[in-house]
C-alpha atoms as a PDB file:
ATOM      1  CA  MET A   1      -1.464   9.789   0.843  1.00  0.00           C
ATOM      2  CA  LYS A   2      -3.300   7.174  -1.199  1.00  0.00           C
ATOM      3  CA  PRO A   3      -5.899   4.774   0.270  1.00  0.00           C
ATOM      4  CA  ARG A   4      -3.685   1.730  -0.232  1.00  0.00           C
ATOM      5  CA  ASN A   5      -0.850   3.417   1.665  1.00  0.00           C
ATOM      6  CA  TRP A   6      -3.203   4.015   4.606  1.00  0.00           C
ATOM      7  CA  LEU A   7      -4.195   0.349   4.449  1.00  0.00           C
ATOM      8  CA  ASP A   8      -0.557  -0.771   4.578  1.00  0.00           C
ATOM      9  CA  LEU A   9       0.113   1.439   7.605  1.00  0.00           C
ATOM     10  CA  ALA A  10      -2.972   0.088   9.378  1.00  0.00           C
ATOM     11  CA  LYS A  11      -1.852  -3.488   8.688  1.00  0.00           C
ATOM     12  CA  ASN A  12       1.394  -2.776  10.560  1.00  0.00           C
ATOM     13  CA  ASP A  13      -0.623  -1.757  13.623  1.00  0.00           C
ATOM     14  CA  ILE A  14      -2.881  -4.802  13.276  1.00  0.00           C
ATOM     15  CA  GLN A  15       0.156  -7.104  13.156  1.00  0.00           C
ATOM     16  CA  PHE A  16       1.583  -5.435  16.250  1.00  0.00           C
ATOM     17  CA  CYS A  17      -1.686  -6.077  18.092  1.00  0.00           C
ATOM     18  CA  GLU A  18      -1.591  -9.735  17.135  1.00  0.00           C
ATOM     19  CA  VAL A  19       1.840 -10.006  18.762  1.00  0.00           C
ATOM     20  CA  MET A  20       0.810  -8.070  21.869  1.00  0.00           C
ATOM     21  CA  GLU A  21      -2.267 -10.245  22.392  1.00  0.00           C
ATOM     22  CA  GLN A  22       0.087 -13.120  23.157  1.00  0.00           C
ATOM     23  CA  GLN A  23       1.710 -11.062  25.924  1.00  0.00           C
ATOM     24  CA  LEU A  24      -1.444 -10.288  27.931  1.00  0.00           C
ATOM     25  CA  PRO A  25      -1.991  -9.564  30.800  1.00  0.00           C
ATOM     26  CA  GLN A  26       1.351  -7.700  30.905  1.00  0.00           C
ATOM     27  CA  GLU A  27       0.899  -3.941  31.319  1.00  0.00           C
ATOM     28  CA  TYR A  28       3.142  -3.106  28.367  1.00  0.00           C
ATOM     29  CA  ALA A  29       0.959  -5.352  26.198  1.00  0.00           C
ATOM     30  CA  LYS A  30      -2.205  -3.547  27.317  1.00  0.00           C
ATOM     31  CA  ALA A  31      -0.633  -0.158  26.543  1.00  0.00           C
ATOM     32  CA  GLY A  32       0.540  -1.403  23.152  1.00  0.00           C
ATOM     33  CA  LEU A  33      -2.861  -2.824  22.262  1.00  0.00           C
ATOM     34  CA  CYS A  34      -4.599   0.425  23.208  1.00  0.00           C
ATOM     35  CA  PHE A  35      -2.332   2.623  21.138  1.00  0.00           C
ATOM     36  CA  HIS A  36      -2.056   0.459  18.037  1.00  0.00           C
ATOM     37  CA  THR A  37      -5.771  -0.350  17.963  1.00  0.00           C
ATOM     38  CA  GLN A  38      -6.528   3.375  17.924  1.00  0.00           C
ATOM     39  CA  GLN A  39      -3.891   3.849  15.236  1.00  0.00           C
ATOM     40  CA  ALA A  40      -5.360   1.091  13.057  1.00  0.00           C
ATOM     41  CA  VAL A  41      -8.869   2.567  13.303  1.00  0.00           C
ATOM     42  CA  GLU A  42      -7.604   6.093  12.604  1.00  0.00           C
ATOM     43  CA  LYS A  43      -5.579   5.038   9.550  1.00  0.00           C
ATOM     44  CA  LEU A  44      -8.369   2.904   8.099  1.00  0.00           C
ATOM     45  CA  MET A  45     -10.837   5.790   8.434  1.00  0.00           C
ATOM     46  CA  LYS A  46      -8.366   8.195   6.853  1.00  0.00           C
ATOM     47  CA  GLY A  47      -7.922   5.703   4.024  1.00  0.00           C
ATOM     48  CA  ILE A  48     -11.687   5.626   3.483  1.00  0.00           C
ATOM     49  CA  LEU A  49     -11.803   9.416   3.438  1.00  0.00           C
ATOM     50  CA  SER A  50      -8.799   9.527   1.096  1.00  0.00           C
ATOM     51  CA  ALA A  51     -10.690   7.262  -1.319  1.00  0.00           C
ATOM     52  CA  ASN A  52     -13.374   9.951  -1.349  1.00  0.00           C
ATOM     53  CA  GLN A  53     -11.000  12.873  -1.932  1.00  0.00           C
ATOM     54  CA  GLY A  54     -10.655  13.674   1.759  1.00  0.00           C
ATOM     55  CA  ASN A  55      -7.438  14.616   3.531  1.00  0.00           C
ATOM     56  CA  PRO A  56      -8.233  14.788   7.262  1.00  0.00           C
ATOM     57  CA  GLN A  57      -5.563  15.972   9.683  1.00  0.00           C
ATOM     58  CA  CYS A  58      -7.352  15.188  12.963  1.00  0.00           C
ATOM     59  CA  THR A  59      -6.798  12.148  15.173  1.00  0.00           C
ATOM     60  CA  ASP A  60     -10.112  12.224  17.032  1.00  0.00           C
ATOM     61  CA  ILE A  61     -12.071   9.092  16.121  1.00  0.00           C
ATOM     62  CA  TYR A  62     -15.493  10.690  16.611  1.00  0.00           C
ATOM     63  CA  ASN A  63     -14.553  13.586  14.323  1.00  0.00           C
ATOM     64  CA  LEU A  64     -13.326  11.127  11.700  1.00  0.00           C
ATOM     65  CA  TRP A  65     -16.604   9.223  12.040  1.00  0.00           C
ATOM     66  CA  GLU A  66     -18.540  12.456  11.416  1.00  0.00           C
ATOM     67  CA  MET A  67     -16.426  13.178   8.317  1.00  0.00           C
ATOM     68  CA  CYS A  68     -17.077   9.701   6.941  1.00  0.00           C
ATOM     69  CA  GLU A  69     -20.800  10.152   7.574  1.00  0.00           C
ATOM     70  CA  ASP A  70     -20.823  13.562   5.863  1.00  0.00           C
ATOM     71  CA  PHE A  71     -18.512  12.984   2.911  1.00  0.00           C
ATOM     72  CA  THR A  72     -18.769   9.294   1.970  1.00  0.00           C
ATOM     73  CA  ASP A  73     -21.474   6.797   1.098  1.00  0.00           C
ATOM     74  CA  VAL A  74     -19.959   3.992   3.159  1.00  0.00           C
ATOM     75  CA  GLU A  75     -21.837   2.464   6.057  1.00  0.00           C
ATOM     76  CA  LEU A  76     -19.551   2.385   9.078  1.00  0.00           C
ATOM     77  CA  PRO A  77     -19.975  -0.153  11.911  1.00  0.00           C
ATOM     78  CA  GLY A  78     -22.593   1.185  14.319  1.00  0.00           C
ATOM     79  CA  GLU A  79     -20.475   0.194  17.309  1.00  0.00           C
ATOM     80  CA  LEU A  80     -17.721   2.564  16.209  1.00  0.00           C
ATOM     81  CA  VAL A  81     -19.403   5.724  17.413  1.00  0.00           C
ATOM     82  CA  ASN A  82     -20.140   4.081  20.778  1.00  0.00           C
ATOM     83  CA  ILE A  83     -16.473   3.515  21.602  1.00  0.00           C
ATOM     84  CA  SER A  84     -14.993   6.385  19.594  1.00  0.00           C
ATOM     85  CA  ASN A  85     -14.083   8.441  22.664  1.00  0.00           C
ATOM     86  CA  THR A  86     -12.405   5.452  24.297  1.00  0.00           C
ATOM     87  CA  LEU A  87     -10.397   4.799  21.143  1.00  0.00           C
ATOM     88  CA  THR A  88      -9.274   8.429  21.012  1.00  0.00           C
ATOM     89  CA  GLU A  89      -8.125   8.182  24.637  1.00  0.00           C
ATOM     90  CA  TRP A  90      -6.218   5.002  23.780  1.00  0.00           C
ATOM     91  CA  GLY A  91      -4.237   6.978  21.211  1.00  0.00           C
ATOM     92  CA  ASN A  92      -3.180   9.557  23.796  1.00  0.00           C
ATOM     93  CA  THR A  93       0.440   8.718  24.622  1.00  0.00           C
ATOM     94  CA  HIS A  94       0.623  11.330  27.386  1.00  0.00           C
ATOM     95  CA  LYS A  95      -1.314   9.244  29.891  1.00  0.00           C
ATOM     96  CA  SER A  96      -1.748   5.582  30.730  1.00  0.00           C
ATOM     97  CA  PRO A  97      -4.953   4.247  29.101  1.00  0.00           C
ATOM     98  CA  GLU A  98      -7.500   2.148  30.933  1.00  0.00           C
ATOM     99  CA  PHE A  99      -7.530  -1.165  29.109  1.00  0.00           C
ATOM    100  CA  ASP A 100     -10.696  -3.211  28.984  1.00  0.00           C
ATOM    101  CA  VAL A 101     -10.401  -6.523  27.182  1.00  0.00           C
ATOM    102  CA  ASP A 102     -14.070  -6.561  26.108  1.00  0.00           C
ATOM    103  CA  THR A 103     -13.727  -3.109  24.560  1.00  0.00           C
ATOM    104  CA  TYR A 104     -10.564  -4.253  22.836  1.00  0.00           C
ATOM    105  CA  TYR A 105     -12.313  -7.184  21.164  1.00  0.00           C
ATOM    106  CA  ARG A 106     -15.204  -4.917  20.136  1.00  0.00           C
ATOM    107  CA  ALA A 107     -12.630  -2.587  18.609  1.00  0.00           C
ATOM    108  CA  LYS A 108     -10.924  -5.529  16.928  1.00  0.00           C
ATOM    109  CA  GLU A 109     -14.164  -6.415  15.150  1.00  0.00           C
ATOM    110  CA  ILE A 110     -14.484  -2.790  14.049  1.00  0.00           C
ATOM    111  CA  VAL A 111     -10.952  -2.914  12.638  1.00  0.00           C
ATOM    112  CA  GLY A 112     -11.933  -5.970  10.589  1.00  0.00           C
ATOM    113  CA  SER A 113     -15.051  -4.239   9.264  1.00  0.00           C
ATOM    114  CA  LEU A 114     -13.138  -1.049   8.409  1.00  0.00           C
ATOM    115  CA  THR A 115     -10.476  -3.094   6.627  1.00  0.00           C
ATOM    116  CA  ASP A 116     -13.160  -4.695   4.438  1.00  0.00           C
ATOM    117  CA  ILE A 117     -14.697  -1.279   3.732  1.00  0.00           C
ATOM    118  CA  LEU A 118     -11.361   0.238   2.749  1.00  0.00           C
ATOM    119  CA  ASN A 119     -10.535  -2.720   0.502  1.00  0.00           C
ATOM    120  CA  ASN A 120     -13.876  -2.229  -1.246  1.00  0.00           C
ATOM    121  CA  GLU A 121     -13.192   1.485  -1.661  1.00  0.00           C
ATOM    122  CA  ILE A 122      -9.776   0.717  -3.131  1.00  0.00           C
ATOM    123  CA  ASP A 123     -11.325  -1.710  -5.611  1.00  0.00           C
ATOM    124  CA  ARG A 124     -13.905   0.934  -6.509  1.00  0.00           C
ATOM    125  CA  ILE A 125     -11.482   3.757  -7.331  1.00  0.00           C
ATOM    126  CA  GLU A 126      -8.199   2.128  -8.352  1.00  0.00           C
ATOM    127  CA  THR A 127      -7.247   1.947 -12.003  1.00  0.00           C
ATOM    128  CA  MET A 128      -4.943  -0.708 -13.425  1.00  0.00           C
ATOM    129  CA  VAL A 129      -2.211   1.931 -13.615  1.00  0.00           C
ATOM    130  CA  ASP A 130      -2.720   2.691  -9.902  1.00  0.00           C
ATOM    131  CA  LYS A 131      -2.392  -1.007  -9.093  1.00  0.00           C
ATOM    132  CA  LEU A 132       0.747  -1.318 -11.194  1.00  0.00           C
ATOM    133  CA  GLU A 133       2.240   1.731  -9.480  1.00  0.00           C
ATOM    134  CA  TYR A 134       1.628   0.114  -6.101  1.00  0.00           C
ATOM    135  CA  VAL A 135       3.061  -3.276  -7.112  1.00  0.00           C
ATOM    136  CA  ILE A 136       6.148  -1.690  -8.640  1.00  0.00           C
ATOM    137  CA  GLY A 137       6.565   0.495  -5.556  1.00  0.00           C
ATOM    138  CA  GLN A 138       6.571  -2.625  -3.356  1.00  0.00           C
ATOM    139  CA  GLU A 139       9.070  -4.352  -5.631  1.00  0.00           C
ATOM    140  CA  TYR A 140      11.280  -1.257  -5.662  1.00  0.00           C
ATOM    141  CA  ALA A 141      11.224  -1.083  -1.847  1.00  0.00           C
ATOM    142  CA  GLU A 142      12.413  -4.691  -1.676  1.00  0.00           C
ATOM    143  CA  LYS A 143      15.234  -3.983  -4.131  1.00  0.00           C
ATOM    144  CA  HIS A 144      16.172  -0.861  -2.189  1.00  0.00           C
ATOM    145  CA  ARG A 145      16.632  -2.936   0.960  1.00  0.00           C
ATOM    146  CA  GLU A 146      18.924  -5.266  -0.987  1.00  0.00           C
ATOM    147  CA  TRP A 147      20.965  -2.361  -2.376  1.00  0.00           C
ATOM    148  CA  LEU A 148      21.581  -1.015   1.123  1.00  0.00           C
ATOM    149  CA  ASN A 149      23.544  -4.177   1.912  1.00  0.00           C
ATOM    150  CA  LEU A 150      25.858  -3.909  -1.113  1.00  0.00           C
ATOM    151  CA  SER A 151      29.444  -2.671  -1.076  1.00  0.00           C
ATOM    152  CA  HIS A 152      30.426   0.529  -2.898  1.00  0.00           C
ATOM    153  CA  GLU A 153      31.934  -1.542  -5.698  1.00  0.00           C
ATOM    154  CA  GLU A 154      28.768  -3.603  -6.103  1.00  0.00           C
ATOM    155  CA  LEU A 155      26.630  -0.457  -6.153  1.00  0.00           C
ATOM    156  CA  ILE A 156      28.772   1.004  -8.933  1.00  0.00           C
ATOM    157  CA  GLU A 157      28.299  -2.172 -10.966  1.00  0.00           C
ATOM    158  CA  LYS A 158      24.534  -1.911 -10.475  1.00  0.00           C
ATOM    159  CA  ALA A 159      24.349   1.823 -11.225  1.00  0.00           C
ATOM    160  CA  ASP A 160      22.468   1.377 -14.510  1.00  0.00           C
ATOM    161  CA  GLU A 161      19.983  -1.041 -12.950  1.00  0.00           C
ATOM    162  CA  ILE A 162      19.355   1.256  -9.976  1.00  0.00           C
ATOM    163  CA  SER A 163      18.929   4.293 -12.225  1.00  0.00           C
ATOM    164  CA  ALA A 164      16.491   2.436 -14.475  1.00  0.00           C
ATOM    165  CA  ALA A 165      14.465   1.106 -11.508  1.00  0.00           C
ATOM    166  CA  ARG A 166      14.186   4.594 -10.012  1.00  0.00           C
ATOM    167  CA  PHE A 167      13.061   6.012 -13.349  1.00  0.00           C
ATOM    168  CA  VAL A 168      10.385   3.333 -13.790  1.00  0.00           C
ATOM    169  CA  LYS A 169       9.070   3.828 -10.248  1.00  0.00           C
ATOM    170  CA  ASP A 170       8.772   7.589 -10.753  1.00  0.00           C
ATOM    171  CA  ASN A 171       7.090   7.471 -14.171  1.00  0.00           C
ATOM    172  CA  ILE A 172       4.263   4.940 -13.989  1.00  0.00           C
ATOM    173  CA  GLN A 173       1.231   7.207 -14.175  1.00  0.00           C
ATOM    174  CA  ASP A 174       2.080   8.891 -17.485  1.00  0.00           C
ATOM    175  CA  SER A 175       3.665   5.952 -19.272  1.00  0.00           C
ATOM    176  CA  PHE A 176       1.074   3.151 -19.372  1.00  0.00           C
ATOM    177  CA  THR A 177      -2.340   2.621 -20.841  1.00  0.00           C
ATOM    178  CA  GLU A 178      -4.821   0.607 -18.767  1.00  0.00           C
ATOM    179  CA  GLU A 179      -4.308  -2.400 -21.075  1.00  0.00           C
ATOM    180  CA  GLU A 180      -0.521  -2.231 -20.767  1.00  0.00           C
ATOM    181  CA  ALA A 181      -0.724  -1.946 -16.979  1.00  0.00           C
ATOM    182  CA  GLU A 182      -3.117  -4.894 -16.772  1.00  0.00           C
ATOM    183  CA  TYR A 183      -0.745  -6.939 -18.933  1.00  0.00           C
ATOM    184  CA  LEU A 184       2.280  -6.217 -16.721  1.00  0.00           C
ATOM    185  CA  LEU A 185       0.327  -6.927 -13.540  1.00  0.00           C
ATOM    186  CA  GLN A 186       0.168 -10.590 -14.460  1.00  0.00           C
ATOM    187  CA  PHE A 187       3.910 -10.930 -13.819  1.00  0.00           C
ATOM    188  CA  LYS A 188       5.477 -11.573 -10.440  1.00  0.00           C
ATOM    189  CA  GLU A 189       8.211  -8.946 -10.965  1.00  0.00           C
ATOM    190  CA  PRO A 190       7.044  -6.312 -13.465  1.00  0.00           C
ATOM    191  CA  LEU A 191       9.744  -3.860 -12.365  1.00  0.00           C
ATOM    192  CA  GLU A 192      12.427  -6.441 -13.089  1.00  0.00           C
ATOM    193  CA  ILE A 193      11.028  -6.959 -16.596  1.00  0.00           C
ATOM    194  CA  LEU A 194      10.992  -3.228 -17.330  1.00  0.00           C
ATOM    195  CA  VAL A 195      14.480  -2.679 -15.915  1.00  0.00           C
ATOM    196  CA  ASP A 196      15.879  -5.565 -17.957  1.00  0.00           C
ATOM    197  CA  ARG A 197      14.323  -4.064 -21.084  1.00  0.00           C
ATOM    198  CA  ILE A 198      15.734  -0.600 -20.394  1.00  0.00           C
ATOM    199  CA  THR A 199      19.249  -1.792 -19.560  1.00  0.00           C
ATOM    200  CA  ALA A 200      19.286  -3.978 -22.688  1.00  0.00           C
ATOM    201  CA  LEU A 201      19.147  -0.840 -24.818  1.00  0.00           C
ATOM    202  CA  ASN A 202      22.917  -0.300 -24.335  1.00  0.00           C
ATOM    203  CA  ASP A 203      22.595   3.313 -23.118  1.00  0.00           C
ATOM    204  CA  PRO A 204      20.008   3.375 -20.333  1.00  0.00           C
ATOM    205  CA  ASN A 205      20.214   7.164 -20.066  1.00  0.00           C
ATOM    206  CA  ASN A 206      18.669   7.497 -23.527  1.00  0.00           C
ATOM    207  CA  ILE A 207      15.436   5.881 -22.348  1.00  0.00           C
ATOM    208  CA  ALA A 208      15.067   8.222 -19.369  1.00  0.00           C
ATOM    209  CA  VAL A 209      12.532  10.379 -21.174  1.00  0.00           C
ATOM    210  CA  LYS A 210       8.829   9.751 -20.616  1.00  0.00           C
ATOM    211  CA  GLU A 211       7.948   9.682 -24.312  1.00  0.00           C
ATOM    212  CA  GLN A 212      10.648   7.126 -25.072  1.00  0.00           C
ATOM    213  CA  PHE A 213       9.644   5.047 -22.080  1.00  0.00           C
ATOM    214  CA  SER A 214       6.023   5.029 -23.222  1.00  0.00           C
ATOM    215  CA  ASP A 215       7.110   3.904 -26.682  1.00  0.00           C
ATOM    216  CA  MET A 216       9.168   1.115 -25.155  1.00  0.00           C
ATOM    217  CA  VAL A 217       6.208  -0.056 -23.068  1.00  0.00           C
ATOM    218  CA  SER A 218       3.919  -0.009 -26.106  1.00  0.00           C
ATOM    219  CA  GLU A 219       6.422  -2.084 -28.060  1.00  0.00           C
ATOM    220  CA  MET A 220       6.613  -4.613 -25.224  1.00  0.00           C
ATOM    221  CA  TYR A 221       2.830  -4.862 -25.148  1.00  0.00           C
ATOM    222  CA  ASP A 222       2.738  -5.438 -28.914  1.00  0.00           C
ATOM    223  CA  LYS A 223       5.289  -8.253 -28.588  1.00  0.00           C
ATOM    224  CA  LYS A 224       3.778 -10.088 -25.628  1.00  0.00           C
ATOM    225  CA  ASP A 225       5.050 -13.476 -26.712  1.00  0.00           C
ATOM    226  CA  GLU A 226       8.650 -12.418 -26.039  1.00  0.00           C
ATOM    227  CA  TYR A 227       7.891 -12.368 -22.315  1.00  0.00           C
ATOM    228  CA  SER A 228       5.950 -15.618 -22.114  1.00  0.00           C
ATOM    229  CA  ASP A 229       8.701 -17.274 -20.026  1.00  0.00           C
ATOM    230  CA  ASP A 230       8.612 -14.710 -17.214  1.00  0.00           C
ATOM    231  CA  GLU A 231       7.078 -15.857 -13.939  1.00  0.00           C
ATOM    232  CA  LEU A 232       3.433 -14.979 -13.460  1.00  0.00           C
ATOM    233  CA  SER A 233       2.202 -13.411 -10.255  1.00  0.00           C
ATOM    234  CA  GLU A 234       0.419 -15.676  -7.788  1.00  0.00           C
ATOM    235  CA  GLY A 235      -3.251 -16.022  -8.639  1.00  0.00           C
ATOM    236  CA  SER A 236      -2.891 -14.421 -12.064  1.00  0.00           C
ATOM    237  CA  GLY A 237      -5.893 -15.383 -14.161  1.00  0.00           C
ATOM    238  CA  MET A 238      -4.708 -13.676 -17.318  1.00  0.00           C
ATOM    239  CA  GLN A 239      -3.736 -15.661 -20.363  1.00  0.00           C
ATOM    240  CA  MET A 240      -0.752 -14.872 -22.514  1.00  0.00           C
ATOM    241  CA  GLN A 241      -1.676 -13.938 -26.044  1.00  0.00           C
END
């Protein structure tokens, strides 16, 4: 799994903790905070290791700390090793954890530090094509949720669009140069732009070959002005040429 995927999973646990904090001192909230705090730390550390070609299978926080020390150049929070055993116990669903609010807030600070470290590691290793693959994957997931709510008749009508979107999602890495990926990243919905272009070619099945797709992308990049009316992504600092 890629570092950014680990980050997304950790964010889910962090959001759960934010909700559970409002429910303290209920016992279910304490149990939830223990488990999801451990999960956030574990996933963030695995993301850091993944950014350095690691693929750890363990769930023990101290062991993960040792791996990060041995195989990465990142400087982990010093407090992490001090509460690593407690965090590992918090992740054990077979027994009720002992919740200590002070330890929780120490762990919460560690989660913030690990999140910053992982974000820095992602910035260090990610290419523009990697970033485009992630953005298009997120956009595809949103479309997929919409498709699940359609009737059979509506799905049939959208068959070409769905086929084109699936093809784009599955063929990012081999179809874009860094410059082309950077160009498409300035748009709010790059998948939508690519799908519209594919389905406008009358026979979408003819484009479903990587070489043809790459040629189509190159042609789009060469004719940037044709897409100047598409909505830019929030915070895009790129200028249309």
